[in-house]
C-alpha atoms as a PDB file:
ATOM      1  CA  MET A   1      15.878  -9.640   4.045  1.00  0.00           C
ATOM      2  CA  LEU A   2      14.148  -9.507   7.340  1.00  0.00           C
ATOM      3  CA  ASP A   3      10.983 -11.530   7.420  1.00  0.00           C
ATOM      4  CA  ILE A   4       8.368  -9.265   9.271  1.00  0.00           C
ATOM      5  CA  ARG A   5       6.397 -12.288  10.138  1.00  0.00           C
ATOM      6  CA  ARG A   6       9.164 -13.707  12.393  1.00  0.00           C
ATOM      7  CA  LEU A   7       9.263 -10.459  14.412  1.00  0.00           C
ATOM      8  CA  PRO A   8       7.394 -11.202  18.038  1.00  0.00           C
ATOM      9  CA  ALA A   9       4.024  -9.890  17.814  1.00  0.00           C
ATOM     10  CA  LYS A  10       5.028  -6.846  20.121  1.00  0.00           C
ATOM     11  CA  ARG A  11       7.226  -5.560  17.465  1.00  0.00           C
ATOM     12  CA  ARG A  12       5.173  -5.907  14.684  1.00  0.00           C
ATOM     13  CA  LEU A  13       3.294  -2.626  13.573  1.00  0.00           C
ATOM     14  CA  PRO A  14      -0.091  -2.254  11.715  1.00  0.00           C
ATOM     15  CA  ARG A  15       0.649  -0.956   8.192  1.00  0.00           C
ATOM     16  CA  GLN A  16      -0.239   2.880   9.273  1.00  0.00           C
ATOM     17  CA  SER A  17       0.698   2.727  12.729  1.00  0.00           C
ATOM     18  CA  HIS A  18       0.457   5.274  15.419  1.00  0.00           C
ATOM     19  CA  ALA A  19       4.209   5.522  15.210  1.00  0.00           C
ATOM     20  CA  GLN A  20       3.977   6.536  11.435  1.00  0.00           C
ATOM     21  CA  GLN A  21       1.120   8.982  11.859  1.00  0.00           C
ATOM     22  CA  GLN A  22       3.101  10.654  14.735  1.00  0.00           C
ATOM     23  CA  PHE A  23       6.464  10.744  12.858  1.00  0.00           C
ATOM     24  CA  LEU A  24       4.598  12.170   9.899  1.00  0.00           C
ATOM     25  CA  ILE A  25       2.786  14.951  12.384  1.00  0.00           C
ATOM     26  CA  ALA A  26       6.179  15.685  14.084  1.00  0.00           C
ATOM     27  CA  ARG A  27       8.374  15.804  10.832  1.00  0.00           C
ATOM     28  CA  VAL A  28       6.063  17.325   8.049  1.00  0.00           C
ATOM     29  CA  GLY A  29       4.214  19.674   9.993  1.00  0.00           C
ATOM     30  CA  ALA A  30       0.619  18.196   9.720  1.00  0.00           C
ATOM     31  CA  HIS A  31      -2.142  18.446  12.426  1.00  0.00           C
ATOM     32  CA  LYS A  32      -1.235  18.883  15.878  1.00  0.00           C
ATOM     33  CA  VAL A  33      -4.208  17.042  16.936  1.00  0.00           C
ATOM     34  CA  HIS A  34      -3.910  13.184  17.149  1.00  0.00           C
ATOM     35  CA  PRO A  35      -6.119  11.922  14.322  1.00  0.00           C
ATOM     36  CA  SER A  36      -8.348   9.790  16.809  1.00  0.00           C
ATOM     37  CA  THR A  37      -9.373  13.056  18.730  1.00  0.00           C
ATOM     38  CA  ALA A  38      -9.537  15.310  15.569  1.00  0.00           C
ATOM     39  CA  VAL A  39     -12.691  17.034  14.782  1.00  0.00           C
ATOM     40  CA  ILE A  40     -13.718  16.420  11.102  1.00  0.00           C
ATOM     41  CA  SER A  41     -16.366  19.354  10.376  1.00  0.00           C
ATOM     42  CA  SER A  42     -17.378  18.522   6.992  1.00  0.00           C
ATOM     43  CA  PRO A  43     -16.612  16.035   4.135  1.00  0.00           C
ATOM     44  CA  GLU A  44     -14.734  18.471   2.377  1.00  0.00           C
ATOM     45  CA  HIS A  45     -12.549  18.889   5.523  1.00  0.00           C
ATOM     46  CA  ALA A  46     -12.077  15.276   5.541  1.00  0.00           C
ATOM     47  CA  LEU A  47     -10.968  15.199   2.230  1.00  0.00           C
ATOM     48  CA  ASP A  48      -8.770  17.872   2.729  1.00  0.00           C
ATOM     49  CA  VAL A  49      -7.056  16.014   5.857  1.00  0.00           C
ATOM     50  CA  SER A  50      -6.764  12.920   3.796  1.00  0.00           C
ATOM     51  CA  THR A  51      -5.261  14.560   0.756  1.00  0.00           C
ATOM     52  CA  LYS A  52      -2.441  16.106   3.327  1.00  0.00           C
ATOM     53  CA  ARG A  53      -1.615  12.968   4.702  1.00  0.00           C
ATOM     54  CA  SER A  54      -1.508  11.312   1.251  1.00  0.00           C
ATOM     55  CA  ALA A  55       0.652  13.812   0.015  1.00  0.00           C
ATOM     56  CA  GLN A  56       2.718  13.428   3.172  1.00  0.00           C
ATOM     57  CA  LEU A  57       3.235   9.827   2.712  1.00  0.00           C
ATOM     58  CA  VAL A  58       4.295  10.195  -0.859  1.00  0.00           C
ATOM     59  CA  ALA A  59       6.876  12.954   0.108  1.00  0.00           C
ATOM     60  CA  LEU A  60       8.275  10.308   2.994  1.00  0.00           C
ATOM     61  CA  ASP A  61       8.484   7.782   0.449  1.00  0.00           C
ATOM     62  CA  ASP A  62      10.319   9.738  -2.041  1.00  0.00           C
ATOM     63  CA  ALA A  63      13.034  11.158   0.938  1.00  0.00           C
ATOM     64  CA  LEU A  64      13.339   7.424   1.623  1.00  0.00           C
ATOM     65  CA  ASN A  65      14.064   6.191  -1.798  1.00  0.00           C
ATOM     66  CA  THR A  66      16.231   9.379  -2.280  1.00  0.00           C
ATOM     67  CA  LEU A  67      18.128   8.615   0.881  1.00  0.00           C
ATOM     68  CA  ALA A  68      18.322   4.847  -0.585  1.00  0.00           C
ATOM     69  CA  SER A  69      20.245   5.929  -3.619  1.00  0.00           C
ATOM     70  CA  VAL A  70      22.565   7.879  -1.705  1.00  0.00           C
ATOM     71  CA  ASP A  71      23.093   5.332   1.295  1.00  0.00           C
ATOM     72  CA  ALA A  72      21.323   2.196   0.988  1.00  0.00           C
ATOM     73  CA  ARG A  73      22.403   1.164   4.493  1.00  0.00           C
ATOM     74  CA  LYS A  74      21.054   4.063   6.232  1.00  0.00           C
ATOM     75  CA  ALA A  75      17.760   3.595   4.130  1.00  0.00           C
ATOM     76  CA  ARG A  76      17.507   0.222   5.524  1.00  0.00           C
ATOM     77  CA  ILE A  77      18.274   1.307   9.091  1.00  0.00           C
ATOM     78  CA  VAL A  78      15.431   3.599   8.712  1.00  0.00           C
ATOM     79  CA  GLU A  79      13.233   1.025   7.656  1.00  0.00           C
ATOM     80  CA  LEU A  80      13.948  -1.846  10.419  1.00  0.00           C
ATOM     81  CA  ARG A  81      13.814   0.998  13.136  1.00  0.00           C
ATOM     82  CA  PHE A  82      10.762   3.037  12.158  1.00  0.00           C
ATOM     83  CA  PHE A  83       8.568   0.514  10.053  1.00  0.00           C
ATOM     84  CA  ALA A  84       9.566  -2.624  11.762  1.00  0.00           C
ATOM     85  CA  GLY A  85      10.062  -1.240  15.106  1.00  0.00           C
ATOM     86  CA  LEU A  86      13.549  -3.114  15.955  1.00  0.00           C
ATOM     87  CA  GLU A  87      15.437  -1.870  18.722  1.00  0.00           C
ATOM     88  CA  ILE A  88      19.382  -0.938  18.040  1.00  0.00           C
ATOM     89  CA  LYS A  89      20.849  -4.335  18.790  1.00  0.00           C
ATOM     90  CA  GLU A  90      18.157  -6.269  16.667  1.00  0.00           C
ATOM     91  CA  THR A  91      18.460  -3.519  13.889  1.00  0.00           C
ATOM     92  CA  ALA A  92      22.703  -3.862  14.150  1.00  0.00           C
ATOM     93  CA  ALA A  93      22.159  -7.665  13.920  1.00  0.00           C
ATOM     94  CA  ALA A  94      19.835  -7.690  10.767  1.00  0.00           C
ATOM     95  CA  VAL A  95      22.173  -5.103   9.105  1.00  0.00           C
ATOM     96  CA  GLY A  96      25.587  -6.726  10.301  1.00  0.00           C
ATOM     97  CA  VAL A  97      27.013  -3.542  11.758  1.00  0.00           C
ATOM     98  CA  SER A  98      27.637  -2.515  15.546  1.00  0.00           C
ATOM     99  CA  PRO A  99      24.820  -0.990  17.663  1.00  0.00           C
ATOM    100  CA  GLU A 100      26.931   1.976  17.633  1.00  0.00           C
ATOM    101  CA  THR A 101      26.973   2.325  13.868  1.00  0.00           C
ATOM    102  CA  VAL A 102      23.416   1.730  14.064  1.00  0.00           C
ATOM    103  CA  MET A 103      22.785   4.464  16.286  1.00  0.00           C
ATOM    104  CA  ARG A 104      25.249   6.774  14.360  1.00  0.00           C
ATOM    105  CA  ASP A 105      23.427   6.143  10.783  1.00  0.00           C
ATOM    106  CA  TRP A 106      19.973   6.162  12.586  1.00  0.00           C
ATOM    107  CA  LYS A 107      20.686   9.732  13.599  1.00  0.00           C
ATOM    108  CA  LEU A 108      22.195  10.888  10.310  1.00  0.00           C
ATOM    109  CA  ALA A 109      19.464   9.340   8.393  1.00  0.00           C
ATOM    110  CA  LYS A 110      16.603  11.232  10.544  1.00  0.00           C
ATOM    111  CA  ALA A 111      18.604  14.711  10.060  1.00  0.00           C
ATOM    112  CA  TRP A 112      18.701  13.702   6.693  1.00  0.00           C
ATOM    113  CA  LEU A 113      15.178  12.786   5.893  1.00  0.00           C
ATOM    114  CA  LEU A 114      14.108  16.070   7.819  1.00  0.00           C
ATOM    115  CA  LYS A 115      16.072  18.328   5.789  1.00  0.00           C
ATOM    116  CA  GLU A 116      14.885  16.463   2.642  1.00  0.00           C
ATOM    117  CA  LEU A 117      10.891  16.727   3.823  1.00  0.00           C
ATOM    118  CA  SER A 118      11.534  20.123   4.807  1.00  0.00           C
ATOM    119  CA  ARG A 119      12.485  21.112   1.169  1.00  0.00           C
ATOM    120  CA  SER A 120       9.148  20.001  -0.050  1.00  0.00           C
END
C-alpha cells in the first residue's frame, strides 16, 4: 500500500484538488467555468451546483468501485495516477509492472470510466 505521506510535497494533492475538479468537469459534463470564477447568483443556485458536484463524486466513486471489482490493477493505477499524482514510472514501481503496462492500463481505465460515467 502506498503511504501518501511519503510522497514529495509536489506530488501530494489536496482532498478535492483542482485536478479532480477539472476531471469531473471534463468527464461528467459539469459547468464549463472554473469553480473559482463561477458566479453564484443565489443560495439556491449554490445548493444546486453543490448537489450536482456531490452526485458526480458519488458517480465517480461508484465507477471506480465497479472498475476495482472488474480489474483491481487498473483501479489502483487510476488511484495512484489521478489521486496521488504519481508519474508513469512511479506508478509502475508502486504496482510492480512495467511503465508500458501502466500506460496501457491507464488508457483503458480512463476509457472504461468515461463509458461508465456516461451511462449515469
